[in-house]
C-alpha cells in the first residue's frame, strides 16, 4: 500500500512541476525547460489528511533565470477537488542542469473518502483527473506575473 501512495505522490509532484513549467512555455526559450526526474526523499504525515513531502527534482534549464513562487495546485476527479499541493518557492538558475530539493505540502480535501484515494493508484483513474495550477514567475529584472491554468488533463502531464 505504501508503495502505491509513494508512486501517487511522485506522479502528483511531477504533474505539479510539469504544469508549473508548462505555465512558462509562452516565453521563448522557456519551452526547452524540462523536468528530468522526481524522487521522494522523505514523507512525514501531518495528521490524517496531509503530508509534508521532500522532493529531489531534476531540472534542465537551457533558458534564463526564473524565480518560481506561490506554487499551488489541486487535483480534481470529475470536477471534485480531491487534494491540494503547495510547494516552497525556488529559483531555476540560468543555463543549468540541477537537482532541486523542494518541500511540498499535500493535503486531502474534507469529504474525500479513502475509496476515492485508493482509486487514484489505478493509472486509468489517475489519467481521468485534471489539475489546476497557479505559479508566480519572476524574471531576474523583477518582471513578475501570476500564471493560472485550470483543468489540465493529467494525461498531458504524465
N, C-alpha and C. Protein backbone atom coordinates (compact mmCIF):
# COMPACT_ATOMS: atom_id res chain seq x y z
N UNK A 1 0.82 -1.20 0.00
CA UNK A 1 0.00 0.00 0.00
C UNK A 1 0.86 1.26 0.00
N UNK A 2 1.96 1.30 0.86
CA UNK A 2 2.80 2.48 0.90
C UNK A 2 3.50 2.72 -0.43
N UNK A 3 3.84 1.64 -1.14
CA UNK A 3 4.45 1.78 -2.46
C UNK A 3 3.53 2.50 -3.42
N UNK A 4 2.23 2.18 -3.37
CA UNK A 4 1.25 2.86 -4.22
C UNK A 4 1.11 4.33 -3.85
N UNK A 5 1.11 4.62 -2.54
CA UNK A 5 1.00 6.00 -2.09
C UNK A 5 2.22 6.79 -2.54
N UNK A 6 3.41 6.19 -2.42
CA UNK A 6 4.63 6.86 -2.85
C UNK A 6 4.58 7.15 -4.35
N UNK A 7 4.15 6.17 -5.14
CA UNK A 7 4.02 6.37 -6.59
C UNK A 7 3.03 7.49 -6.90
N UNK A 8 1.90 7.51 -6.18
CA UNK A 8 0.89 8.54 -6.38
C UNK A 8 1.46 9.91 -6.08
N UNK A 9 2.17 10.05 -4.95
CA UNK A 9 2.76 11.34 -4.60
C UNK A 9 3.81 11.77 -5.63
N UNK A 10 4.60 10.82 -6.12
CA UNK A 10 5.58 11.14 -7.16
C UNK A 10 4.88 11.64 -8.42
N UNK A 11 3.80 10.97 -8.81
CA UNK A 11 3.05 11.38 -10.00
C UNK A 11 2.45 12.77 -9.82
N UNK A 12 1.88 13.03 -8.65
CA UNK A 12 1.27 14.34 -8.40
C UNK A 12 2.32 15.44 -8.37
N UNK A 13 3.47 15.16 -7.74
CA UNK A 13 4.54 16.15 -7.70
C UNK A 13 5.06 16.42 -9.10
N UNK A 14 5.25 15.37 -9.89
CA UNK A 14 5.70 15.54 -11.26
C UNK A 14 4.68 16.34 -12.06
N UNK A 15 3.42 16.04 -11.87
CA UNK A 15 2.36 16.78 -12.58
C UNK A 15 2.39 18.26 -12.21
N UNK A 16 2.54 18.56 -10.92
CA UNK A 16 2.58 19.96 -10.48
C UNK A 16 3.79 20.68 -11.07
N UNK A 17 4.94 20.02 -11.05
CA UNK A 17 6.14 20.65 -11.61
C UNK A 17 6.03 20.83 -13.11
N UNK A 18 5.54 19.79 -13.81
CA UNK A 18 5.35 19.92 -15.26
C UNK A 18 4.40 21.07 -15.56
N UNK A 19 3.33 21.16 -14.79
CA UNK A 19 2.36 22.22 -15.02
C UNK A 19 2.99 23.59 -14.77
N UNK A 20 3.80 23.70 -13.73
CA UNK A 20 4.47 24.98 -13.45
C UNK A 20 5.39 25.36 -14.61
N UNK A 21 6.12 24.39 -15.13
CA UNK A 21 6.99 24.66 -16.28
C UNK A 21 6.16 24.97 -17.51
N UNK A 22 5.05 24.24 -17.70
CA UNK A 22 4.18 24.48 -18.85
C UNK A 22 3.60 25.89 -18.81
N UNK A 23 3.39 26.43 -17.62
CA UNK A 23 2.86 27.78 -17.47
C UNK A 23 3.80 28.80 -18.11
N UNK A 24 5.06 28.46 -18.19
CA UNK A 24 6.05 29.39 -18.72
C UNK A 24 6.30 29.21 -20.22
N UNK A 25 5.65 28.26 -20.85
CA UNK A 25 6.02 27.90 -22.22
C UNK A 25 5.74 28.98 -23.24
N UNK A 26 5.01 29.99 -22.89
CA UNK A 26 4.78 31.08 -23.83
C UNK A 26 5.99 31.98 -23.98
N UNK A 27 7.03 31.78 -23.19
CA UNK A 27 8.18 32.68 -23.15
C UNK A 27 9.38 32.05 -23.84
N UNK A 28 9.55 32.30 -25.11
CA UNK A 28 10.73 31.90 -25.88
C UNK A 28 11.41 30.61 -25.48
N UNK A 29 12.65 30.72 -24.98
CA UNK A 29 13.49 29.56 -24.65
C UNK A 29 12.94 28.73 -23.51
N UNK A 30 11.98 29.26 -22.79
CA UNK A 30 11.43 28.54 -21.64
C UNK A 30 10.78 27.24 -22.10
N UNK A 31 10.39 27.16 -23.36
CA UNK A 31 9.81 25.92 -23.89
C UNK A 31 10.76 24.74 -23.75
N UNK A 32 12.05 25.02 -23.65
CA UNK A 32 13.06 23.97 -23.59
C UNK A 32 13.34 23.48 -22.17
N UNK A 33 12.74 24.12 -21.15
CA UNK A 33 12.94 23.67 -19.77
C UNK A 33 12.28 22.31 -19.61
N UNK A 34 13.01 21.38 -18.99
CA UNK A 34 12.49 20.02 -18.82
C UNK A 34 12.68 19.55 -17.39
N UNK A 35 11.65 18.93 -16.84
CA UNK A 35 11.78 18.21 -15.57
C UNK A 35 12.31 16.84 -15.94
N UNK A 36 13.51 16.52 -15.46
CA UNK A 36 14.15 15.27 -15.86
C UNK A 36 13.94 14.13 -14.87
N UNK A 37 13.63 14.47 -13.61
CA UNK A 37 13.39 13.43 -12.61
C UNK A 37 12.65 14.00 -11.41
N UNK A 38 11.92 13.14 -10.73
CA UNK A 38 11.28 13.49 -9.46
C UNK A 38 11.43 12.29 -8.55
N UNK A 39 11.99 12.54 -7.37
CA UNK A 39 12.16 11.47 -6.39
C UNK A 39 11.72 11.96 -5.03
N UNK A 40 11.00 11.12 -4.31
CA UNK A 40 10.59 11.48 -2.95
C UNK A 40 11.74 11.12 -2.02
N UNK A 41 12.24 12.12 -1.29
CA UNK A 41 13.32 11.88 -0.34
C UNK A 41 12.78 11.54 1.04
N UNK A 42 11.65 12.16 1.40
CA UNK A 42 11.09 11.93 2.72
C UNK A 42 9.60 12.28 2.71
N UNK A 43 8.83 11.51 3.47
CA UNK A 43 7.41 11.81 3.67
C UNK A 43 7.16 11.78 5.17
N UNK A 44 6.55 12.84 5.67
CA UNK A 44 6.13 12.82 7.07
C UNK A 44 4.66 13.21 7.11
N UNK A 45 3.88 12.33 7.72
CA UNK A 45 2.44 12.56 7.78
C UNK A 45 2.14 13.74 8.69
N UNK A 46 1.13 14.49 8.31
CA UNK A 46 0.70 15.66 9.06
C UNK A 46 -0.77 15.43 9.42
N UNK A 47 -1.02 14.62 10.42
CA UNK A 47 -2.39 14.24 10.76
C UNK A 47 -2.89 13.19 9.78
N UNK A 48 -4.21 13.08 9.68
CA UNK A 48 -4.82 12.08 8.80
C UNK A 48 -5.04 12.60 7.38
N UNK A 49 -4.95 13.91 7.18
CA UNK A 49 -5.32 14.48 5.90
C UNK A 49 -4.20 15.23 5.19
N UNK A 50 -2.97 14.99 5.62
CA UNK A 50 -1.90 15.72 4.96
C UNK A 50 -0.54 15.09 5.15
N UNK A 51 0.41 15.59 4.38
CA UNK A 51 1.78 15.11 4.47
C UNK A 51 2.73 16.20 4.03
N UNK A 52 3.90 16.20 4.64
CA UNK A 52 5.00 17.04 4.17
C UNK A 52 5.90 16.12 3.36
N UNK A 53 6.20 16.54 2.15
CA UNK A 53 6.96 15.70 1.23
C UNK A 53 8.20 16.46 0.78
N UNK A 54 9.37 15.85 0.98
CA UNK A 54 10.62 16.43 0.48
C UNK A 54 10.95 15.76 -0.84
N UNK A 55 11.15 16.57 -1.86
CA UNK A 55 11.39 16.07 -3.21
C UNK A 55 12.79 16.42 -3.70
N UNK A 56 13.35 15.57 -4.52
CA UNK A 56 14.56 15.87 -5.27
C UNK A 56 14.11 15.91 -6.73
N UNK A 57 14.19 17.09 -7.31
CA UNK A 57 13.65 17.30 -8.66
C UNK A 57 14.78 17.73 -9.60
N UNK A 58 14.98 16.95 -10.64
CA UNK A 58 15.97 17.29 -11.65
C UNK A 58 15.34 18.19 -12.70
N UNK A 59 16.01 19.31 -12.99
CA UNK A 59 15.51 20.25 -13.99
C UNK A 59 16.65 20.65 -14.91
N UNK A 60 16.40 20.56 -16.20
CA UNK A 60 17.33 21.04 -17.22
C UNK A 60 16.78 22.36 -17.73
N UNK A 61 17.49 23.46 -17.43
CA UNK A 61 17.03 24.80 -17.82
C UNK A 61 18.05 25.45 -18.75
N UNK A 62 17.85 25.32 -20.06
CA UNK A 62 18.75 25.97 -21.00
C UNK A 62 18.42 27.45 -21.19
N UNK A 63 17.37 27.91 -20.51
CA UNK A 63 16.88 29.28 -20.66
C UNK A 63 17.47 30.19 -19.57
N UNK A 64 16.74 31.20 -19.22
CA UNK A 64 17.20 32.24 -18.30
C UNK A 64 16.75 31.98 -16.86
N UNK A 65 17.24 32.81 -15.96
CA UNK A 65 16.94 32.77 -14.53
C UNK A 65 15.45 33.06 -14.31
N UNK A 66 14.77 32.18 -13.58
CA UNK A 66 13.35 32.36 -13.28
C UNK A 66 13.11 31.97 -11.83
N UNK A 67 12.48 32.87 -11.08
CA UNK A 67 12.08 32.55 -9.71
C UNK A 67 10.63 32.08 -9.76
N UNK A 68 10.36 30.92 -9.16
CA UNK A 68 9.00 30.40 -9.10
C UNK A 68 8.54 30.45 -7.64
N UNK A 69 7.39 31.07 -7.42
CA UNK A 69 6.85 31.18 -6.06
C UNK A 69 5.34 31.03 -6.11
N UNK A 70 4.73 30.99 -4.96
CA UNK A 70 3.28 30.82 -4.85
C UNK A 70 2.81 29.65 -5.73
N UNK A 71 3.55 28.55 -5.65
CA UNK A 71 3.25 27.37 -6.47
C UNK A 71 2.18 26.54 -5.76
N UNK A 72 1.03 26.47 -6.37
CA UNK A 72 -0.09 25.74 -5.79
C UNK A 72 -0.80 24.95 -6.87
N UNK A 73 -1.36 23.85 -6.47
CA UNK A 73 -2.12 23.05 -7.42
C UNK A 73 -3.19 22.26 -6.72
N UNK A 74 -4.16 21.83 -7.50
CA UNK A 74 -5.20 20.95 -6.96
C UNK A 74 -5.46 19.85 -7.97
N UNK A 75 -5.84 18.71 -7.43
CA UNK A 75 -6.15 17.53 -8.24
C UNK A 75 -7.65 17.31 -8.20
N UNK A 76 -8.26 17.19 -9.37
CA UNK A 76 -9.71 17.01 -9.44
C UNK A 76 -10.06 15.73 -10.20
N UNK A 77 -11.10 15.09 -9.72
CA UNK A 77 -11.66 13.92 -10.39
C UNK A 77 -13.14 14.21 -10.60
N UNK A 78 -13.58 14.22 -11.84
CA UNK A 78 -14.97 14.55 -12.20
C UNK A 78 -15.40 15.89 -11.60
N UNK A 79 -14.49 16.86 -11.61
CA UNK A 79 -14.80 18.19 -11.12
C UNK A 79 -14.68 18.37 -9.62
N UNK A 80 -14.51 17.30 -8.87
CA UNK A 80 -14.40 17.37 -7.41
C UNK A 80 -12.93 17.47 -7.01
N UNK A 81 -12.59 18.48 -6.21
CA UNK A 81 -11.22 18.62 -5.73
C UNK A 81 -10.95 17.55 -4.68
N UNK A 82 -9.95 16.71 -4.96
CA UNK A 82 -9.58 15.65 -4.03
C UNK A 82 -8.48 16.09 -3.08
N UNK A 83 -7.57 16.88 -3.60
CA UNK A 83 -6.45 17.31 -2.77
C UNK A 83 -5.77 18.55 -3.33
N UNK A 84 -4.97 19.14 -2.46
CA UNK A 84 -4.22 20.34 -2.84
C UNK A 84 -2.74 20.13 -2.52
N UNK A 85 -1.92 20.87 -3.24
CA UNK A 85 -0.48 20.74 -3.08
C UNK A 85 0.11 22.14 -3.15
N UNK A 86 1.04 22.44 -2.26
CA UNK A 86 1.75 23.72 -2.30
C UNK A 86 3.24 23.43 -2.17
N UNK A 87 4.03 24.15 -2.94
CA UNK A 87 5.47 23.91 -2.98
C UNK A 87 6.19 25.19 -2.58
N UNK A 88 7.30 25.02 -1.85
CA UNK A 88 8.11 26.18 -1.48
C UNK A 88 8.68 26.83 -2.74
N UNK A 89 8.91 28.15 -2.67
CA UNK A 89 9.49 28.84 -3.83
C UNK A 89 10.92 28.36 -4.10
N UNK A 90 11.32 28.47 -5.35
CA UNK A 90 12.69 28.13 -5.72
C UNK A 90 13.07 28.88 -6.99
N UNK A 91 14.37 28.89 -7.28
CA UNK A 91 14.91 29.60 -8.44
C UNK A 91 15.47 28.60 -9.43
N UNK A 92 15.04 28.72 -10.68
CA UNK A 92 15.64 27.95 -11.76
C UNK A 92 16.83 28.77 -12.27
N UNK A 93 18.03 28.29 -11.99
CA UNK A 93 19.22 29.02 -12.40
C UNK A 93 19.39 28.94 -13.91
N UNK A 94 19.85 30.03 -14.49
CA UNK A 94 20.01 30.13 -15.93
C UNK A 94 21.00 29.10 -16.46
N UNK A 95 20.66 28.54 -17.61
CA UNK A 95 21.54 27.62 -18.33
C UNK A 95 22.19 26.61 -17.39
N UNK A 96 21.34 25.80 -16.75
CA UNK A 96 21.86 24.83 -15.79
C UNK A 96 21.04 23.54 -15.82
N UNK A 97 21.68 22.50 -15.35
CA UNK A 97 21.01 21.23 -15.10
C UNK A 97 21.29 20.91 -13.64
N UNK A 98 20.24 20.93 -12.82
CA UNK A 98 20.43 20.79 -11.38
C UNK A 98 19.37 19.90 -10.76
N UNK A 99 19.69 19.44 -9.57
CA UNK A 99 18.72 18.75 -8.73
C UNK A 99 18.29 19.75 -7.66
N UNK A 100 17.02 20.05 -7.59
CA UNK A 100 16.47 20.98 -6.61
C UNK A 100 15.81 20.18 -5.50
N UNK A 101 16.08 20.55 -4.26
CA UNK A 101 15.48 19.89 -3.10
C UNK A 101 14.34 20.78 -2.63
N UNK A 102 13.11 20.30 -2.84
CA UNK A 102 11.93 21.11 -2.62
C UNK A 102 11.03 20.51 -1.54
N UNK A 103 10.45 21.40 -0.76
CA UNK A 103 9.49 20.99 0.26
C UNK A 103 8.09 21.23 -0.28
N UNK A 104 7.25 20.22 -0.11
CA UNK A 104 5.89 20.26 -0.63
C UNK A 104 4.94 19.84 0.48
N UNK A 105 3.80 20.50 0.53
CA UNK A 105 2.75 20.13 1.48
C UNK A 105 1.57 19.62 0.67
N UNK A 106 1.13 18.41 1.00
CA UNK A 106 -0.01 17.79 0.32
C UNK A 106 -1.13 17.67 1.33
N UNK A 107 -2.33 18.08 0.93
CA UNK A 107 -3.48 17.93 1.84
C UNK A 107 -4.67 17.36 1.08
N UNK A 108 -5.42 16.55 1.79
CA UNK A 108 -6.62 15.93 1.23
C UNK A 108 -7.82 16.77 1.64
N UNK A 109 -8.68 17.04 0.71
CA UNK A 109 -9.86 17.86 1.00
C UNK A 109 -10.82 17.14 1.94
N UNK A 110 -11.57 17.91 2.71
CA UNK A 110 -12.62 17.35 3.56
C UNK A 110 -13.65 16.66 2.67
N UNK A 111 -14.18 15.56 3.13
CA UNK A 111 -15.21 14.86 2.38
C UNK A 111 -14.69 13.87 1.36
N UNK A 112 -13.38 13.80 1.18
CA UNK A 112 -12.80 12.82 0.25
C UNK A 112 -12.67 11.50 1.00
N UNK A 113 -13.16 10.45 0.38
CA UNK A 113 -13.16 9.14 1.03
C UNK A 113 -11.88 8.37 0.74
N UNK A 114 -11.61 7.40 1.57
CA UNK A 114 -10.46 6.51 1.36
C UNK A 114 -10.60 5.78 0.03
N UNK A 115 -11.81 5.42 -0.31
CA UNK A 115 -12.07 4.73 -1.58
C UNK A 115 -11.64 5.58 -2.77
N UNK A 116 -11.94 6.89 -2.72
CA UNK A 116 -11.54 7.79 -3.81
C UNK A 116 -10.02 7.88 -3.90
N UNK A 117 -9.35 7.91 -2.76
CA UNK A 117 -7.89 8.00 -2.76
C UNK A 117 -7.25 6.72 -3.29
N UNK A 118 -7.75 5.59 -2.86
CA UNK A 118 -7.21 4.31 -3.34
C UNK A 118 -7.44 4.18 -4.84
N UNK A 119 -8.55 4.68 -5.34
CA UNK A 119 -8.83 4.62 -6.78
C UNK A 119 -7.76 5.34 -7.59
N UNK A 120 -7.10 6.34 -7.00
CA UNK A 120 -6.07 7.10 -7.71
C UNK A 120 -4.82 6.28 -7.98
N UNK A 121 -4.66 5.16 -7.29
CA UNK A 121 -3.50 4.32 -7.55
C UNK A 121 -3.65 3.56 -8.87
N UNK A 122 -4.87 3.55 -9.41
CA UNK A 122 -5.12 2.96 -10.73
C UNK A 122 -4.79 4.01 -11.79
N UNK A 123 -3.91 3.67 -12.71
CA UNK A 123 -3.45 4.63 -13.72
C UNK A 123 -4.61 5.17 -14.57
N UNK A 124 -5.58 4.34 -14.88
CA UNK A 124 -6.72 4.79 -15.70
C UNK A 124 -7.52 5.88 -14.96
N UNK A 125 -7.74 5.68 -13.67
CA UNK A 125 -8.46 6.69 -12.88
C UNK A 125 -7.63 7.95 -12.76
N UNK A 126 -6.33 7.80 -12.49
CA UNK A 126 -5.45 8.97 -12.37
C UNK A 126 -5.41 9.75 -13.68
N UNK A 127 -5.40 9.05 -14.80
CA UNK A 127 -5.38 9.72 -16.10
C UNK A 127 -6.67 10.48 -16.39
N UNK A 128 -7.76 10.14 -15.71
CA UNK A 128 -9.01 10.86 -15.94
C UNK A 128 -9.11 12.11 -15.05
N UNK A 129 -8.10 12.33 -14.22
CA UNK A 129 -8.08 13.51 -13.36
C UNK A 129 -7.60 14.74 -14.13
N UNK A 130 -7.91 15.89 -13.56
CA UNK A 130 -7.39 17.15 -14.09
C UNK A 130 -6.67 17.89 -12.97
N UNK A 131 -5.83 18.84 -13.35
CA UNK A 131 -5.03 19.60 -12.40
C UNK A 131 -5.23 21.08 -12.66
N UNK A 132 -5.40 21.84 -11.58
CA UNK A 132 -5.37 23.31 -11.64
C UNK A 132 -4.05 23.74 -11.04
N UNK A 133 -3.38 24.72 -11.66
CA UNK A 133 -2.07 25.17 -11.20
C UNK A 133 -2.01 26.69 -11.21
N UNK A 134 -1.36 27.21 -10.20
CA UNK A 134 -1.10 28.64 -10.12
C UNK A 134 0.36 28.81 -9.71
N UNK A 135 1.09 29.67 -10.40
CA UNK A 135 2.50 29.90 -10.08
C UNK A 135 2.85 31.35 -10.42
N UNK A 136 3.65 31.97 -9.57
CA UNK A 136 4.17 33.32 -9.86
C UNK A 136 5.58 33.13 -10.41
N UNK A 137 5.81 33.66 -11.61
CA UNK A 137 7.12 33.60 -12.24
C UNK A 137 7.72 35.01 -12.24
N UNK A 138 8.94 35.11 -11.72
CA UNK A 138 9.62 36.40 -11.65
C UNK A 138 10.96 36.29 -12.36
N UNK A 139 11.18 37.17 -13.30
CA UNK A 139 12.45 37.18 -14.03
C UNK A 139 13.48 37.96 -13.23
N UNK A 140 14.74 37.84 -13.61
CA UNK A 140 15.84 38.49 -12.90
C UNK A 140 15.67 40.01 -12.85
N UNK A 141 15.05 40.57 -13.88
CA UNK A 141 14.87 42.02 -13.92
C UNK A 141 13.68 42.49 -13.07
N UNK A 142 13.01 41.56 -12.38
CA UNK A 142 11.92 41.92 -11.48
C UNK A 142 10.53 41.82 -12.07
N UNK A 143 10.44 41.62 -13.37
CA UNK A 143 9.13 41.47 -14.00
C UNK A 143 8.50 40.18 -13.49
N UNK A 144 7.24 40.29 -13.04
CA UNK A 144 6.59 39.15 -12.40
C UNK A 144 5.17 39.00 -12.93
N UNK A 145 4.72 37.76 -13.00
CA UNK A 145 3.36 37.50 -13.44
C UNK A 145 2.85 36.23 -12.79
N UNK A 146 1.58 36.28 -12.36
CA UNK A 146 0.94 35.08 -11.83
C UNK A 146 0.27 34.38 -13.01
N UNK A 147 0.58 33.11 -13.17
CA UNK A 147 0.02 32.33 -14.26
C UNK A 147 -0.91 31.28 -13.67
N UNK A 148 -2.11 31.18 -14.22
CA UNK A 148 -3.09 30.19 -13.75
C UNK A 148 -3.58 29.37 -14.92
N UNK A 149 -3.60 28.07 -14.69
CA UNK A 149 -4.13 27.16 -15.70
C UNK A 149 -5.07 26.20 -15.00
N UNK A 150 -6.25 26.03 -15.58
CA UNK A 150 -7.27 25.17 -14.98
C UNK A 150 -7.58 23.99 -15.89
N UNK A 151 -7.96 22.90 -15.24
CA UNK A 151 -8.43 21.70 -15.93
C UNK A 151 -7.43 21.15 -16.94
N UNK A 152 -6.16 21.10 -16.54
CA UNK A 152 -5.14 20.48 -17.37
C UNK A 152 -5.30 18.96 -17.23
N UNK A 153 -5.53 18.26 -18.33
CA UNK A 153 -5.68 16.79 -18.23
C UNK A 153 -4.38 16.15 -17.71
N UNK A 154 -4.51 15.24 -16.80
CA UNK A 154 -3.36 14.57 -16.22
C UNK A 154 -2.56 13.85 -17.30
N UNK A 155 -3.22 13.41 -18.37
CA UNK A 155 -2.54 12.69 -19.45
C UNK A 155 -1.50 13.59 -20.13
N UNK A 156 -1.70 14.91 -20.09
CA UNK A 156 -0.71 15.84 -20.67
C UNK A 156 0.52 15.97 -19.80
N UNK A 157 0.38 15.65 -18.53
CA UNK A 157 1.47 15.91 -17.58
C UNK A 157 2.29 14.70 -17.23
N UNK A 158 1.75 13.51 -17.44
CA UNK A 158 2.48 12.30 -17.06
C UNK A 158 3.10 11.62 -18.26
